[in-house]
C-alpha cells in the first residue's frame, strides 16, 4: 500500500504527516531527514496496528499541486 504524505517546511525544521494514519507524524532538521523518519514512522504505525489487531486503513487521501497566481 502507498499512503499520501504531506511535507511542510517550517522556520525551524521540516515536518510530515500521513492523513490516512492519524497520529503518524515525523520531524527532521532537513528534508532528507524528515523523509527517512516518516518512512520509519509509517512502518512502526502499521506494526503497532497489526500487533493490536486493529484494522489497517486503506489509503484514501491524495495530493495535488494547484497553480495560483500571486
C-alpha atoms as a PDB file:
ATOM      1  CA  UNK A   1       0.000   0.000   0.000  1.00  0.00           C
ATOM      2  CA  UNK A   2       1.083   3.544  -0.645  1.00  0.00           C
ATOM      3  CA  UNK A   3      -0.035   6.366   1.607  1.00  0.00           C
ATOM      4  CA  UNK A   4      -0.019  10.068   0.799  1.00  0.00           C
ATOM      5  CA  UNK A   5       2.403  12.065   2.945  1.00  0.00           C
ATOM      6  CA  UNK A   6       2.168  15.819   3.494  1.00  0.00           C
ATOM      7  CA  UNK A   7       5.534  17.529   3.986  1.00  0.00           C
ATOM      8  CA  UNK A   8       5.928  21.029   5.388  1.00  0.00           C
ATOM      9  CA  UNK A   9       8.905  23.314   5.799  1.00  0.00           C
ATOM     10  CA  UNK A  10       8.729  25.467   8.914  1.00  0.00           C
ATOM     11  CA  UNK A  11      11.036  28.259  10.052  1.00  0.00           C
ATOM     12  CA  UNK A  12      12.971  25.803  12.270  1.00  0.00           C
ATOM     13  CA  UNK A  13      12.674  22.340  10.681  1.00  0.00           C
ATOM     14  CA  UNK A  14      10.658  20.055   8.418  1.00  0.00           C
ATOM     15  CA  UNK A  15       7.586  18.041   9.357  1.00  0.00           C
ATOM     16  CA  UNK A  16       5.455  15.358   7.770  1.00  0.00           C
ATOM     17  CA  UNK A  17       2.193  13.584   8.459  1.00  0.00           C
ATOM     18  CA  UNK A  18       0.066  10.865   6.880  1.00  0.00           C
ATOM     19  CA  UNK A  19      -3.628  11.863   6.617  1.00  0.00           C
ATOM     20  CA  UNK A  20      -4.800   8.242   6.447  1.00  0.00           C
ATOM     21  CA  UNK A  21      -2.858   7.259   9.589  1.00  0.00           C
ATOM     22  CA  UNK A  22      -3.903   9.673  12.354  1.00  0.00           C
ATOM     23  CA  UNK A  23      -1.038  10.342  14.726  1.00  0.00           C
ATOM     24  CA  UNK A  24       1.623   9.236  12.257  1.00  0.00           C
ATOM     25  CA  UNK A  25       3.982  12.230  12.167  1.00  0.00           C
ATOM     26  CA  UNK A  26       7.687  12.995  11.943  1.00  0.00           C
ATOM     27  CA  UNK A  27      10.042  15.954  12.103  1.00  0.00           C
ATOM     28  CA  UNK A  28      13.600  16.485  10.982  1.00  0.00           C
ATOM     29  CA  UNK A  29      16.278  19.086  10.578  1.00  0.00           C
ATOM     30  CA  UNK A  30      16.467  18.552   6.824  1.00  0.00           C
ATOM     31  CA  UNK A  31      14.230  17.402   4.023  1.00  0.00           C
ATOM     32  CA  UNK A  32      16.136  14.122   3.737  1.00  0.00           C
ATOM     33  CA  UNK A  33      15.872  13.502   7.474  1.00  0.00           C
ATOM     34  CA  UNK A  34      12.109  14.030   7.647  1.00  0.00           C
ATOM     35  CA  UNK A  35      11.586  11.831   4.567  1.00  0.00           C
ATOM     36  CA  UNK A  36      13.500   8.987   6.224  1.00  0.00           C
ATOM     37  CA  UNK A  37      11.768   9.477   9.563  1.00  0.00           C
ATOM     38  CA  UNK A  38       8.244   9.442   8.112  1.00  0.00           C
ATOM     39  CA  UNK A  39       9.002   6.161   6.320  1.00  0.00           C
ATOM     40  CA  UNK A  40      10.097   4.719   9.657  1.00  0.00           C
ATOM     41  CA  UNK A  41       7.021   6.196  11.361  1.00  0.00           C
ATOM     42  CA  UNK A  42       4.660   4.593   8.829  1.00  0.00           C
ATOM     43  CA  UNK A  43       6.311   1.193   9.313  1.00  0.00           C
ATOM     44  CA  UNK A  44       6.084   1.489  13.115  1.00  0.00           C
ATOM     45  CA  UNK A  45       2.500   2.741  12.972  1.00  0.00           C
ATOM     46  CA  UNK A  46       1.382  -0.197  10.825  1.00  0.00           C
ATOM     47  CA  UNK A  47       3.323  -2.643  13.006  1.00  0.00           C
ATOM     48  CA  UNK A  48       1.528  -1.281  16.070  1.00  0.00           C
ATOM     49  CA  UNK A  49      -1.876  -1.624  14.415  1.00  0.00           C
ATOM     50  CA  UNK A  50      -1.096  -5.231  13.476  1.00  0.00           C
ATOM     51  CA  UNK A  51       0.165  -6.028  16.972  1.00  0.00           C
ATOM     52  CA  UNK A  52      -3.039  -4.606  18.480  1.00  0.00           C
ATOM     53  CA  UNK A  53      -5.115  -6.428  15.855  1.00  0.00           C
ATOM     54  CA  UNK A  54      -6.542  -3.142  14.614  1.00  0.00           C
ATOM     55  CA  UNK A  55      -7.660  -2.697  11.005  1.00  0.00           C
ATOM     56  CA  UNK A  56      -5.090  -1.297   8.580  1.00  0.00           C
ATOM     57  CA  UNK A  57      -6.661   1.759   6.901  1.00  0.00           C
ATOM     58  CA  UNK A  58      -6.893   1.696   3.135  1.00  0.00           C
ATOM     59  CA  UNK A  59      -5.186   4.661   1.505  1.00  0.00           C
ATOM     60  CA  UNK A  60      -7.833   7.257   0.684  1.00  0.00           C
ATOM     61  CA  UNK A  61      -6.027  10.622   0.625  1.00  0.00           C
ATOM     62  CA  UNK A  62      -4.181  12.034  -2.375  1.00  0.00           C
ATOM     63  CA  UNK A  63      -2.225  15.146  -3.113  1.00  0.00           C
ATOM     64  CA  UNK A  64      -2.168  17.589  -5.986  1.00  0.00           C
ATOM     65  CA  UNK A  65      -0.309  20.795  -6.688  1.00  0.00           C
ATOM     66  CA  UNK A  66      -2.577  23.638  -7.707  1.00  0.00           C
ATOM     67  CA  UNK A  67      -1.083  26.601  -9.514  1.00  0.00           C
ATOM     68  CA  UNK A  68      -2.157  30.006  -8.274  1.00  0.00           C
ATOM     69  CA  UNK A  69      -1.281  33.484  -9.456  1.00  0.00           C
ATOM     70  CA  UNK A  70       0.184  35.752  -6.742  1.00  0.00           C
END
